[in-house]
Amino acid sequence: MREDFRILIVCTANIVRSPMAETIAKAMLRSSPCPIAVASAGTHARAGLPMAPYALAALANLGLDGSAHRARPLDGVLVNDADLILTMETAHRGSAVTMEPAAVHKTFTLREFAHLAEGRRLRHRSDTVGRAHAAVRAVARRRGSPAGRPVEIADPYGGPPEGYAECARAIGHSLSRALGELLGPR
């Protein structure tokens, strides 16, 4: 088993939602003792594109800098290497699983994972990477339709700046819950 835990975050073009989520997750994990690597990709990304300007502005309002980001397309290698894949939409989840069917047990929409993980803490283990793997397995066993709860994070692309800010807030809220389950009690 590797010594780190890898999270892959997926959206469509990898210029708004998934890079915002990658940047926010990295900020949340800065002081974590668990070696968690976070990356992002897009199901229809054009390699090398920078993050959308309003997405950069939404991150800047949170005190974060996404200017180094460059888009990359989702591929089977990224899917295989990830220990957890969090997507913005169910279609993105389907794309990852179509590339690598064995990824079904580690691929969730971000909101789905956050909802399934919420309030269902595992016992703390000293092996934090092992605990993160156990958390993904436990959440996968709880999978089902989160009745009445939104499972997707809407794409603000092409809309007003406020939509990007709202998207960043929704991502941050869901990531806080999701990462809390992976890291366990502090």
C-alpha atoms as a PDB file:
ATOM      1  CA  MET A   1       0.000   0.000   0.000  1.00  0.00           C
ATOM      2  CA  ARG A   2       1.247   3.508  -0.848  1.00  0.00           C
ATOM      3  CA  GLU A   3       2.198   5.861   1.938  1.00  0.00           C
ATOM      4  CA  ASP A   4      -0.207   8.562   0.775  1.00  0.00           C
ATOM      5  CA  PHE A   5      -3.918   8.755   0.055  1.00  0.00           C
ATOM      6  CA  ARG A   6      -4.900  10.254  -3.304  1.00  0.00           C
ATOM      7  CA  ILE A   7      -8.081  12.188  -3.996  1.00  0.00           C
ATOM      8  CA  LEU A   8      -9.066  13.047  -7.559  1.00  0.00           C
ATOM      9  CA  ILE A   9     -11.748  15.695  -8.083  1.00  0.00           C
ATOM     10  CA  VAL A  10     -13.569  15.715 -11.421  1.00  0.00           C
ATOM     11  CA  CYS A  11     -15.781  18.144 -13.325  1.00  0.00           C
ATOM     12  CA  THR A  12     -16.345  18.855 -17.017  1.00  0.00           C
ATOM     13  CA  ALA A  13     -13.629  21.230 -18.273  1.00  0.00           C
ATOM     14  CA  ASN A  14     -11.389  21.355 -15.183  1.00  0.00           C
ATOM     15  CA  ILE A  15     -11.429  25.150 -15.206  1.00  0.00           C
ATOM     16  CA  VAL A  16     -14.072  25.977 -12.544  1.00  0.00           C
ATOM     17  CA  ARG A  17     -15.501  23.463 -10.061  1.00  0.00           C
ATOM     18  CA  SER A  18     -12.852  20.768  -9.763  1.00  0.00           C
ATOM     19  CA  PRO A  19      -9.881  23.161  -9.588  1.00  0.00           C
ATOM     20  CA  MET A  20     -11.734  25.286  -7.029  1.00  0.00           C
ATOM     21  CA  ALA A  21     -12.372  22.107  -5.034  1.00  0.00           C
ATOM     22  CA  GLU A  22      -8.738  21.023  -5.414  1.00  0.00           C
ATOM     23  CA  THR A  23      -7.506  24.393  -4.139  1.00  0.00           C
ATOM     24  CA  ILE A  24      -9.986  24.480  -1.238  1.00  0.00           C
ATOM     25  CA  ALA A  25      -9.203  20.865  -0.249  1.00  0.00           C
ATOM     26  CA  LYS A  26      -5.461  21.503  -0.276  1.00  0.00           C
ATOM     27  CA  ALA A  27      -5.985  24.514   1.992  1.00  0.00           C
ATOM     28  CA  MET A  28      -8.129  22.439   4.368  1.00  0.00           C
ATOM     29  CA  LEU A  29      -5.498  19.693   4.467  1.00  0.00           C
ATOM     30  CA  ARG A  30      -2.445  21.932   5.035  1.00  0.00           C
ATOM     31  CA  SER A  31      -2.141  21.024   8.700  1.00  0.00           C
ATOM     32  CA  SER A  32      -3.334  17.435   8.394  1.00  0.00           C
ATOM     33  CA  PRO A  33      -0.990  14.735   9.681  1.00  0.00           C
ATOM     34  CA  CYS A  34      -2.404  12.380   7.032  1.00  0.00           C
ATOM     35  CA  PRO A  35      -0.476  12.495   3.738  1.00  0.00           C
ATOM     36  CA  ILE A  36      -3.341  13.247   1.359  1.00  0.00           C
ATOM     37  CA  ALA A  37      -2.596  14.326  -2.213  1.00  0.00           C
ATOM     38  CA  VAL A  38      -5.338  16.153  -4.124  1.00  0.00           C
ATOM     39  CA  ALA A  39      -5.558  16.595  -7.895  1.00  0.00           C
ATOM     40  CA  SER A  40      -8.273  17.436 -10.395  1.00  0.00           C
ATOM     41  CA  ALA A  41      -9.238  16.656 -13.971  1.00  0.00           C
ATOM     42  CA  GLY A  42     -12.087  17.172 -16.412  1.00  0.00           C
ATOM     43  CA  THR A  43     -14.115  14.760 -18.493  1.00  0.00           C
ATOM     44  CA  HIS A  44     -13.893  17.171 -21.448  1.00  0.00           C
ATOM     45  CA  ALA A  45     -10.879  19.252 -20.439  1.00  0.00           C
ATOM     46  CA  ARG A  46      -8.580  20.965 -22.906  1.00  0.00           C
ATOM     47  CA  ALA A  47      -5.117  20.426 -21.477  1.00  0.00           C
ATOM     48  CA  GLY A  48      -3.329  23.526 -20.276  1.00  0.00           C
ATOM     49  CA  LEU A  49      -6.229  25.952 -19.946  1.00  0.00           C
ATOM     50  CA  PRO A  50      -6.083  28.197 -16.863  1.00  0.00           C
ATOM     51  CA  MET A  51      -8.845  28.448 -14.310  1.00  0.00           C
ATOM     52  CA  ALA A  52     -11.773  30.666 -15.335  1.00  0.00           C
ATOM     53  CA  PRO A  53     -11.362  34.287 -14.128  1.00  0.00           C
ATOM     54  CA  TYR A  54     -14.487  34.311 -11.931  1.00  0.00           C
ATOM     55  CA  ALA A  55     -13.362  31.035 -10.334  1.00  0.00           C
ATOM     56  CA  LEU A  56      -9.999  32.624  -9.529  1.00  0.00           C
ATOM     57  CA  ALA A  57     -11.831  35.626  -8.059  1.00  0.00           C
ATOM     58  CA  ALA A  58     -14.049  33.392  -5.909  1.00  0.00           C
ATOM     59  CA  LEU A  59     -10.953  31.668  -4.541  1.00  0.00           C
ATOM     60  CA  ALA A  60      -9.195  34.994  -3.976  1.00  0.00           C
ATOM     61  CA  ASN A  61     -12.176  36.094  -1.876  1.00  0.00           C
ATOM     62  CA  LEU A  62     -11.445  33.065   0.313  1.00  0.00           C
ATOM     63  CA  GLY A  63      -7.767  34.016   0.531  1.00  0.00           C
ATOM     64  CA  LEU A  64      -6.717  31.252  -1.876  1.00  0.00           C
ATOM     65  CA  ASP A  65      -4.708  31.361  -5.102  1.00  0.00           C
ATOM     66  CA  GLY A  66      -5.570  29.103  -8.022  1.00  0.00           C
ATOM     67  CA  SER A  67      -3.468  30.883 -10.640  1.00  0.00           C
ATOM     68  CA  ALA A  68      -1.019  28.000 -11.101  1.00  0.00           C
ATOM     69  CA  HIS A  69      -3.783  25.586 -12.127  1.00  0.00           C
ATOM     70  CA  ARG A  70      -3.796  24.160 -15.648  1.00  0.00           C
ATOM     71  CA  ALA A  71      -6.585  21.912 -16.903  1.00  0.00           C
ATOM     72  CA  ARG A  72      -6.005  18.267 -17.652  1.00  0.00           C
ATOM     73  CA  PRO A  73      -8.259  15.602 -19.107  1.00  0.00           C
ATOM     74  CA  LEU A  74      -9.512  12.680 -17.080  1.00  0.00           C
ATOM     75  CA  ASP A  75      -7.925   9.378 -18.084  1.00  0.00           C
ATOM     76  CA  GLY A  76      -7.714   5.811 -16.865  1.00  0.00           C
ATOM     77  CA  VAL A  77      -4.340   6.312 -15.191  1.00  0.00           C
ATOM     78  CA  LEU A  78      -5.714   9.099 -12.991  1.00  0.00           C
ATOM     79  CA  VAL A  79      -8.773   6.991 -12.152  1.00  0.00           C
ATOM     80  CA  ASN A  80      -6.645   3.956 -11.260  1.00  0.00           C
ATOM     81  CA  ASP A  81      -4.188   5.963  -9.147  1.00  0.00           C
ATOM     82  CA  ALA A  82      -6.888   7.643  -7.057  1.00  0.00           C
ATOM     83  CA  ASP A  83      -8.002   6.228  -3.732  1.00  0.00           C
ATOM     84  CA  LEU A  84     -11.126   8.400  -3.770  1.00  0.00           C
ATOM     85  CA  ILE A  85     -12.755  10.145  -6.737  1.00  0.00           C
ATOM     86  CA  LEU A  86     -15.126  13.007  -5.976  1.00  0.00           C
ATOM     87  CA  THR A  87     -17.140  14.388  -8.882  1.00  0.00           C
ATOM     88  CA  MET A  88     -19.330  17.419  -9.309  1.00  0.00           C
ATOM     89  CA  GLU A  89     -22.092  15.596 -11.220  1.00  0.00           C
ATOM     90  CA  THR A  90     -23.376  12.048 -11.603  1.00  0.00           C
ATOM     91  CA  ALA A  91     -22.347  12.115 -15.284  1.00  0.00           C
ATOM     92  CA  HIS A  92     -18.740  12.721 -14.215  1.00  0.00           C
ATOM     93  CA  ARG A  93     -18.981   9.765 -11.837  1.00  0.00           C
ATOM     94  CA  GLY A  94     -20.241   7.680 -14.753  1.00  0.00           C
ATOM     95  CA  SER A  95     -17.334   8.762 -16.948  1.00  0.00           C
ATOM     96  CA  ALA A  96     -14.758   7.694 -14.353  1.00  0.00           C
ATOM     97  CA  VAL A  97     -16.433   4.337 -13.771  1.00  0.00           C
ATOM     98  CA  THR A  98     -16.787   3.733 -17.511  1.00  0.00           C
ATOM     99  CA  MET A  99     -13.028   4.232 -17.889  1.00  0.00           C
ATOM    100  CA  GLU A 100     -12.288   1.856 -15.011  1.00  0.00           C
ATOM    101  CA  PRO A 101     -15.295  -0.196 -13.810  1.00  0.00           C
ATOM    102  CA  ALA A 102     -13.448  -1.280 -10.658  1.00  0.00           C
ATOM    103  CA  ALA A 103     -13.521   2.387  -9.555  1.00  0.00           C
ATOM    104  CA  VAL A 104     -17.243   2.158  -8.748  1.00  0.00           C
ATOM    105  CA  HIS A 105     -16.557   1.623  -5.033  1.00  0.00           C
ATOM    106  CA  LYS A 106     -14.322   4.682  -4.732  1.00  0.00           C
ATOM    107  CA  THR A 107     -16.209   7.146  -6.968  1.00  0.00           C
ATOM    108  CA  PHE A 108     -18.923   9.451  -5.616  1.00  0.00           C
ATOM    109  CA  THR A 109     -20.303  12.869  -6.290  1.00  0.00           C
ATOM    110  CA  LEU A 110     -18.831  15.226  -3.701  1.00  0.00           C
ATOM    111  CA  ARG A 111     -22.221  15.908  -2.151  1.00  0.00           C
ATOM    112  CA  GLU A 112     -23.107  12.220  -2.103  1.00  0.00           C
ATOM    113  CA  PHE A 113     -19.907  11.339  -0.250  1.00  0.00           C
ATOM    114  CA  ALA A 114     -20.365  14.227   2.190  1.00  0.00           C
ATOM    115  CA  HIS A 115     -23.977  13.216   2.870  1.00  0.00           C
ATOM    116  CA  LEU A 116     -23.179   9.534   3.340  1.00  0.00           C
ATOM    117  CA  ALA A 117     -20.225  10.349   5.596  1.00  0.00           C
ATOM    118  CA  GLU A 118     -21.993  12.926   7.742  1.00  0.00           C
ATOM    119  CA  GLY A 119     -22.314  11.979  11.379  1.00  0.00           C
ATOM    120  CA  ARG A 120     -21.097   8.443  10.871  1.00  0.00           C
ATOM    121  CA  ARG A 121     -17.593   8.606  12.293  1.00  0.00           C
ATOM    122  CA  LEU A 122     -15.385   5.542  12.261  1.00  0.00           C
ATOM    123  CA  ARG A 123     -13.292   4.645  15.254  1.00  0.00           C
ATOM    124  CA  HIS A 124      -9.995   6.469  15.154  1.00  0.00           C
ATOM    125  CA  ARG A 125      -7.058   4.415  13.897  1.00  0.00           C
ATOM    126  CA  SER A 126      -3.432   5.312  14.349  1.00  0.00           C
ATOM    127  CA  ASP A 127      -2.723   4.597  10.660  1.00  0.00           C
ATOM    128  CA  THR A 128      -4.322   7.676   9.120  1.00  0.00           C
ATOM    129  CA  VAL A 129      -3.911   6.493   5.512  1.00  0.00           C
ATOM    130  CA  GLY A 130      -5.452   3.171   6.504  1.00  0.00           C
ATOM    131  CA  ARG A 131      -8.269   5.062   8.198  1.00  0.00           C
ATOM    132  CA  ALA A 132      -8.935   7.049   5.032  1.00  0.00           C
ATOM    133  CA  HIS A 133      -9.166   3.817   3.023  1.00  0.00           C
ATOM    134  CA  ALA A 134     -11.518   2.349   5.647  1.00  0.00           C
ATOM    135  CA  ALA A 135     -13.679   5.484   5.481  1.00  0.00           C
ATOM    136  CA  VAL A 136     -14.099   5.137   1.714  1.00  0.00           C
ATOM    137  CA  ARG A 137     -15.092   1.481   2.116  1.00  0.00           C
ATOM    138  CA  ALA A 138     -17.580   2.358   4.873  1.00  0.00           C
ATOM    139  CA  VAL A 139     -19.150   5.167   2.851  1.00  0.00           C
ATOM    140  CA  ALA A 140     -19.400   2.891  -0.213  1.00  0.00           C
ATOM    141  CA  ARG A 141     -21.388   0.394   1.879  1.00  0.00           C
ATOM    142  CA  ARG A 142     -23.870   3.157   2.733  1.00  0.00           C
ATOM    143  CA  ARG A 143     -24.406   4.090  -0.893  1.00  0.00           C
ATOM    144  CA  GLY A 144     -27.928   4.590  -2.074  1.00  0.00           C
ATOM    145  CA  SER A 145     -30.021   7.479  -3.215  1.00  0.00           C
ATOM    146  CA  PRO A 146     -29.672  10.320  -0.714  1.00  0.00           C
ATOM    147  CA  ALA A 147     -33.405  10.940  -0.839  1.00  0.00           C
ATOM    148  CA  GLY A 148     -34.341  14.558  -1.248  1.00  0.00           C
ATOM    149  CA  ARG A 149     -30.738  15.779  -1.124  1.00  0.00           C
ATOM    150  CA  PRO A 150     -28.967  17.370  -4.067  1.00  0.00           C
ATOM    151  CA  VAL A 151     -26.085  15.219  -5.243  1.00  0.00           C
ATOM    152  CA  GLU A 152     -24.641  17.589  -7.836  1.00  0.00           C
ATOM    153  CA  ILE A 153     -22.869  20.921  -7.648  1.00  0.00           C
ATOM    154  CA  ALA A 154     -24.143  23.131 -10.444  1.00  0.00           C
ATOM    155  CA  ASP A 155     -21.714  24.599 -12.956  1.00  0.00           C
ATOM    156  CA  PRO A 156     -21.625  28.406 -12.697  1.00  0.00           C
ATOM    157  CA  TYR A 157     -19.653  28.758 -15.955  1.00  0.00           C
ATOM    158  CA  GLY A 158     -20.983  31.615 -18.054  1.00  0.00           C
ATOM    159  CA  GLY A 159     -22.986  33.069 -15.183  1.00  0.00           C
ATOM    160  CA  PRO A 160     -22.421  36.033 -12.884  1.00  0.00           C
ATOM    161  CA  PRO A 161     -19.579  36.203 -10.345  1.00  0.00           C
ATOM    162  CA  GLU A 162     -22.030  35.518  -7.517  1.00  0.00           C
ATOM    163  CA  GLY A 163     -22.663  32.057  -8.950  1.00  0.00           C
ATOM    164  CA  TYR A 164     -18.975  31.198  -8.688  1.00  0.00           C
ATOM    165  CA  ALA A 165     -18.864  32.425  -5.095  1.00  0.00           C
ATOM    166  CA  GLU A 166     -21.922  30.305  -4.242  1.00  0.00           C
ATOM    167  CA  CYS A 167     -20.330  27.311  -5.970  1.00  0.00           C
ATOM    168  CA  ALA A 168     -17.132  27.776  -3.924  1.00  0.00           C
ATOM    169  CA  ARG A 169     -19.203  27.911  -0.707  1.00  0.00           C
ATOM    170  CA  ALA A 170     -21.079  24.720  -1.638  1.00  0.00           C
ATOM    171  CA  ILE A 171     -17.821  22.965  -2.467  1.00  0.00           C
ATOM    172  CA  GLY A 172     -16.206  24.114   0.783  1.00  0.00           C
ATOM    173  CA  HIS A 173     -19.165  22.960   2.859  1.00  0.00           C
ATOM    174  CA  SER A 174     -19.216  19.510   1.252  1.00  0.00           C
ATOM    175  CA  LEU A 175     -15.428  19.132   1.410  1.00  0.00           C
ATOM    176  CA  SER A 176     -15.425  19.983   5.096  1.00  0.00           C
ATOM    177  CA  ARG A 177     -17.835  17.129   5.779  1.00  0.00           C
ATOM    178  CA  ALA A 178     -16.087  14.696   3.409  1.00  0.00           C
ATOM    179  CA  LEU A 179     -12.571  15.369   4.656  1.00  0.00           C
ATOM    180  CA  GLY A 180     -13.790  15.196   8.243  1.00  0.00           C
ATOM    181  CA  GLU A 181     -14.793  11.580   7.650  1.00  0.00           C
ATOM    182  CA  LEU A 182     -11.442  10.722   6.064  1.00  0.00           C
ATOM    183  CA  LEU A 183      -9.394  12.302   8.826  1.00  0.00           C
ATOM    184  CA  GLY A 184     -11.506  11.277  11.793  1.00  0.00           C
ATOM    185  CA  PRO A 185     -11.527  12.965  15.185  1.00  0.00           C
ATOM    186  CA  ARG A 186      -8.787  15.449  15.922  1.00  0.00           C
END
